[in-house]
Each structure stands twice: as structure tokens, then as C-alpha cells.
Amino acid sequence: MQLGLGERLLGRVRETLKEQPSEDGELHLLTDQLADALSDALLIAESRGLRLREAGPCPVHETPPALRAYGMLTLPGRDLASARTARHYVRDTCRSWSLPAGTTDDLVAITGELVANALEHTDSPTVAITCALTTGTATVGVTDDGRSGGTPVASPSAGGSEAECEGGRGLLITDALATRWGTRRSGGGLTVWAEVAIEATS
């Protein structure tokens, strides 16, 4: 029920943002960022629910992986330099979480490709990059507002040629590096997320 309410609220906020003039730039940007944060919270909740269903019933004493850390950065959606800034942000975040170099490199590469796709294929004024850390996994998400049809997206189960045709090189790289990845549309916006298993360190 709470997820359904969040979905409806997010859709209403997105529509209101498109209809209302952005005279108060700071308030408009803040509302947009709050909507992005809600979208990411819904994404994490849905992803966690899918993991629980895949794992099957668990004993009462077991709990799903807790969110250990979270970060978000909003960048200009019409500035090609945003891809480079996003990569630096994700690398710095991974280092602050003491993630292994291999995991960090994979997340940085995925981020660069997903942000480049969003910049190329949408007219979104902003692109939000999120990082989430749980025990054993790290997830990066890239969200745009879905303007101009949104980022071309291939299904995670699509074959290589179809993915290349629909989503381009970036999604092929994401499919190769991520443990799993997917997409989420909410209120007209689009999030592409990718989860990477944290490498064991000796």
C-alpha cells in the first residue's frame, strides 16, 4: 500500500513540475530532487522485494540486507561534462566506503556509460546519480525525467544485438559488468540501475 501511494504521489509531483512555471528556481530544483529521492527509495524497496521473492521464505530470525550507506548527486542534464563529474563522484563515494578496486572500477565504468546515454538521448534538465551500499552489493542508479521519449533501454534479458540496437554500447557494457541491472519508470521519469557484487578481499 505504501509503495502504491508513493508511486501515485511521485507521478503527481512530476506532472505538477512540468505544468508549473519555474519562477522560483531554488524551490523548483528542491522539489525535483525530492521527487528523485522518492523515486530511488521506491526503486530500492522494489529491488529488495524481488530479492526476497527469489530467495524464497526465510526463517524469522533472518532479515533482508540493510542499507548501509546512500548518496545522491544531481547534475545538469544538458552538459556533457556531467558524465565525467558523475564518474568522479561515484569513484570518490566508493573509496569513502572502502570498496575493492575492482568493484569501484566496474561501478565507475557503468556510471559513465549510463550518464552518457541519458545526456545523449534525453532533453532532461537534470540527471540524478545515486549510490546505495548493502552488505555484499553496491548499486548505482541514473535518473532522468524521461523527456523526448526517454533513454533508449534494452531489457536486461535481451540478446546482444538487440541491446546494441536499442540501448547502444553503454547498456552492453552495463550488462557485462553488472551482477544484475534493470530499469524503472515512475511519473514519467526513467531510472536505469545496476548492481555489482562486492569482491571479497584477502
Protein backbone atom coordinates (compact mmCIF):
# COMPACT_ATOMS: atom_id res chain seq x y z
CA MET A 1 0.00 0.00 0.00
CA GLN A 2 2.81 2.40 0.88
CA LEU A 3 4.62 1.69 -2.39
CA GLY A 4 1.43 2.28 -4.34
CA LEU A 5 0.86 5.58 -2.54
CA GLY A 6 4.44 6.61 -3.24
CA GLU A 7 4.04 5.81 -6.93
CA ARG A 8 0.87 7.90 -7.22
CA LEU A 9 2.39 10.80 -5.28
CA LEU A 10 5.54 10.75 -7.40
CA GLY A 11 3.52 10.78 -10.60
CA ARG A 12 1.50 13.77 -9.38
CA VAL A 13 4.65 15.68 -8.41
CA ARG A 14 6.28 15.04 -11.80
CA GLU A 15 3.19 16.27 -13.64
CA THR A 16 2.93 19.36 -11.42
CA LEU A 17 6.59 20.21 -12.04
CA LYS A 18 6.02 20.10 -15.79
CA GLU A 19 2.89 22.28 -15.61
CA GLN A 20 4.05 24.91 -13.11
CA PRO A 21 6.37 27.76 -14.16
CA SER A 22 9.81 27.57 -12.58
CA GLU A 23 9.90 31.17 -11.34
CA ASP A 24 11.36 30.13 -8.00
CA GLY A 25 14.34 28.23 -9.34
CA GLU A 26 15.61 27.04 -5.96
CA LEU A 27 12.21 25.71 -4.82
CA HIS A 28 11.63 24.03 -8.20
CA LEU A 29 15.04 22.34 -8.06
CA LEU A 30 14.50 21.22 -4.46
CA THR A 31 11.12 19.70 -5.31
CA ASP A 32 12.67 17.94 -8.29
CA GLN A 33 15.41 16.49 -6.08
CA LEU A 34 12.86 15.34 -3.50
CA ALA A 35 10.98 13.56 -6.29
CA ASP A 36 14.23 11.89 -7.38
CA ALA A 37 14.88 10.78 -3.80
CA LEU A 38 11.39 9.24 -3.55
CA SER A 39 11.91 7.50 -6.88
CA ASP A 40 15.16 5.96 -5.62
CA ALA A 41 13.54 4.87 -2.33
CA LEU A 42 10.81 3.09 -4.31
CA LEU A 43 13.46 1.51 -6.54
CA ILE A 44 15.40 0.15 -3.56
CA ALA A 45 12.22 -1.18 -1.94
CA GLU A 46 11.16 -2.93 -5.15
CA SER A 47 14.64 -4.38 -5.72
CA ARG A 48 14.77 -5.71 -2.15
CA GLY A 49 11.33 -7.27 -2.55
CA LEU A 50 12.41 -9.04 -5.74
CA ARG A 51 15.45 -10.45 -3.97
CA LEU A 52 13.28 -11.78 -1.15
CA ARG A 53 10.89 -13.47 -3.59
CA GLU A 54 13.81 -15.05 -5.48
CA ALA A 55 15.32 -16.34 -2.23
CA GLY A 56 12.00 -17.80 -1.06
CA PRO A 57 10.69 -17.89 2.50
CA CYS A 58 13.32 -17.24 5.14
CA PRO A 59 13.41 -18.03 8.85
CA VAL A 60 12.00 -15.43 11.22
CA HIS A 61 15.46 -14.56 12.57
CA GLU A 62 16.79 -13.62 9.11
CA THR A 63 16.33 -10.10 7.78
CA PRO A 64 16.96 -8.59 4.32
CA PRO A 65 20.24 -6.76 3.77
CA ALA A 66 20.14 -3.37 5.43
CA LEU A 67 21.03 -0.21 3.56
CA ARG A 68 24.43 0.72 4.99
CA ALA A 69 25.09 3.93 3.07
CA TYR A 70 23.46 6.09 0.42
CA GLY A 71 24.49 9.08 -1.68
CA MET A 72 22.95 11.21 -4.42
CA LEU A 73 24.25 13.89 -6.78
CA THR A 74 22.16 15.95 -9.22
CA LEU A 75 23.94 17.29 -12.31
CA PRO A 76 22.96 19.43 -15.33
CA GLY A 77 21.31 17.26 -17.95
CA ARG A 78 22.43 19.30 -20.92
CA ASP A 79 26.12 19.49 -20.04
CA LEU A 80 28.35 16.77 -21.49
CA ALA A 81 30.82 17.35 -18.65
CA SER A 82 28.25 15.79 -16.30
CA ALA A 83 29.38 12.29 -17.33
CA ARG A 84 32.92 12.98 -16.14
CA THR A 85 31.68 14.60 -12.92
CA ALA A 86 29.43 11.60 -12.26
CA ARG A 87 32.34 9.17 -12.67
CA HIS A 88 34.46 11.16 -10.20
CA TYR A 89 31.55 11.28 -7.74
CA VAL A 90 30.99 7.52 -7.86
CA ARG A 91 34.72 6.80 -7.54
CA ASP A 92 35.03 9.11 -4.52
CA THR A 93 31.92 7.56 -2.95
CA CYS A 94 33.23 4.02 -3.46
CA ARG A 95 36.56 4.96 -1.91
CA SER A 96 34.83 6.53 1.08
CA TRP A 97 33.01 3.21 1.54
CA SER A 98 36.34 1.32 1.24
CA LEU A 99 35.11 -0.80 -1.67
CA PRO A 100 37.62 -3.01 -3.52
CA ALA A 101 39.27 -1.52 -6.60
CA GLY A 102 37.61 -3.97 -8.98
CA THR A 103 34.11 -3.22 -7.70
CA THR A 104 34.83 0.50 -7.83
CA ASP A 105 36.13 0.35 -11.40
CA ASP A 106 33.03 -1.54 -12.55
CA LEU A 107 30.66 0.95 -10.91
CA VAL A 108 32.56 3.93 -12.35
CA ALA A 109 32.50 2.46 -15.87
CA ILE A 110 28.78 1.68 -15.63
CA THR A 111 28.04 5.18 -14.35
CA GLY A 112 29.90 6.84 -17.19
CA GLU A 113 28.01 4.85 -19.81
CA LEU A 114 24.57 5.32 -18.25
CA VAL A 115 25.01 9.06 -17.78
CA ALA A 116 26.33 9.41 -21.34
CA ASN A 117 23.19 7.62 -22.59
CA ALA A 118 20.94 9.95 -20.59
CA LEU A 119 22.75 13.04 -21.87
CA GLU A 120 22.61 11.86 -25.48
CA HIS A 121 19.07 10.55 -25.67
CA THR A 122 17.03 12.84 -23.41
CA ASP A 123 16.40 16.54 -23.01
CA SER A 124 16.24 16.25 -19.24
CA PRO A 125 17.35 19.45 -17.44
CA THR A 126 18.92 17.35 -14.66
CA VAL A 127 20.35 13.87 -14.25
CA ALA A 128 20.48 12.32 -10.78
CA ILE A 129 23.15 9.79 -9.80
CA THR A 130 22.54 7.63 -6.75
CA CYS A 131 24.77 5.16 -4.93
CA ALA A 132 23.49 2.58 -2.45
CA LEU A 133 25.50 0.17 -0.32
CA THR A 134 24.24 -3.01 1.33
CA THR A 135 26.14 -5.99 2.69
CA GLY A 136 27.66 -7.68 -0.34
CA THR A 137 26.41 -5.32 -3.07
CA ALA A 138 26.72 -1.75 -4.31
CA THR A 139 24.17 -0.19 -6.66
CA VAL A 140 24.32 2.86 -8.90
CA GLY A 141 21.27 4.47 -10.48
CA VAL A 142 20.92 7.17 -13.14
CA THR A 143 17.60 9.03 -13.36
CA ASP A 144 16.36 11.47 -15.99
CA ASP A 145 12.90 12.99 -16.37
CA GLY A 146 12.06 10.97 -19.47
CA ARG A 147 11.71 13.92 -21.86
CA SER A 148 12.00 13.38 -25.63
CA GLY A 149 10.94 9.77 -25.23
CA GLY A 150 13.50 8.89 -22.58
CA THR A 151 16.74 6.97 -22.82
CA PRO A 152 16.65 4.02 -25.22
CA VAL A 153 16.58 1.00 -22.95
CA ALA A 154 17.06 -2.67 -23.71
CA SER A 155 15.59 -5.35 -21.48
CA PRO A 156 18.16 -6.99 -19.19
CA SER A 157 17.22 -10.29 -20.80
CA ALA A 158 17.70 -9.02 -24.35
CA GLY A 159 20.34 -10.51 -26.59
CA GLY A 160 23.48 -8.64 -27.53
CA SER A 161 22.40 -7.44 -30.97
CA GLU A 162 19.03 -6.17 -29.74
CA ALA A 163 20.62 -4.38 -26.80
CA GLU A 164 23.16 -2.75 -29.11
CA CYS A 165 20.40 -1.60 -31.45
CA GLU A 166 18.09 -0.22 -28.76
CA GLY A 167 20.37 0.93 -26.00
CA GLY A 168 23.79 1.27 -27.52
CA ARG A 169 27.22 0.38 -26.30
CA GLY A 170 26.57 1.71 -22.79
CA LEU A 171 23.97 -0.93 -21.94
CA LEU A 172 26.13 -3.70 -23.38
CA ILE A 173 28.91 -2.64 -21.01
CA THR A 174 26.43 -2.43 -18.14
CA ASP A 175 25.17 -5.94 -18.90
CA ALA A 176 28.72 -7.27 -18.97
CA LEU A 177 29.88 -5.64 -15.72
CA ALA A 178 26.80 -5.67 -13.50
CA THR A 179 25.66 -8.62 -11.42
CA ARG A 180 22.17 -7.55 -12.45
CA TRP A 181 20.55 -4.40 -13.76
CA GLY A 182 17.17 -3.05 -14.71
CA THR A 183 15.00 -0.03 -15.34
CA ARG A 184 12.18 1.73 -13.57
CA ARG A 185 9.72 4.28 -14.94
CA SER A 186 7.93 6.45 -12.42
CA GLY A 187 5.91 9.60 -13.02
CA GLY A 188 7.35 9.99 -16.50
CA GLY A 189 10.94 9.71 -15.26
CA LEU A 190 13.31 6.86 -16.03
CA THR A 191 15.89 5.23 -13.78
CA VAL A 192 18.46 2.74 -15.04
CA TRP A 193 20.14 0.93 -12.14
CA ALA A 194 22.96 -1.59 -11.92
CA GLU A 195 24.02 -3.75 -9.00
CA VAL A 196 27.58 -5.01 -8.59
CA ALA A 197 28.67 -7.69 -6.12
CA ILE A 198 31.42 -6.51 -3.79
CA GLU A 199 34.57 -8.50 -4.41
CA ALA A 200 36.00 -10.38 -1.46
CA THR A 201 39.32 -9.01 -0.23
CA SER A 202 42.09 -11.21 1.03
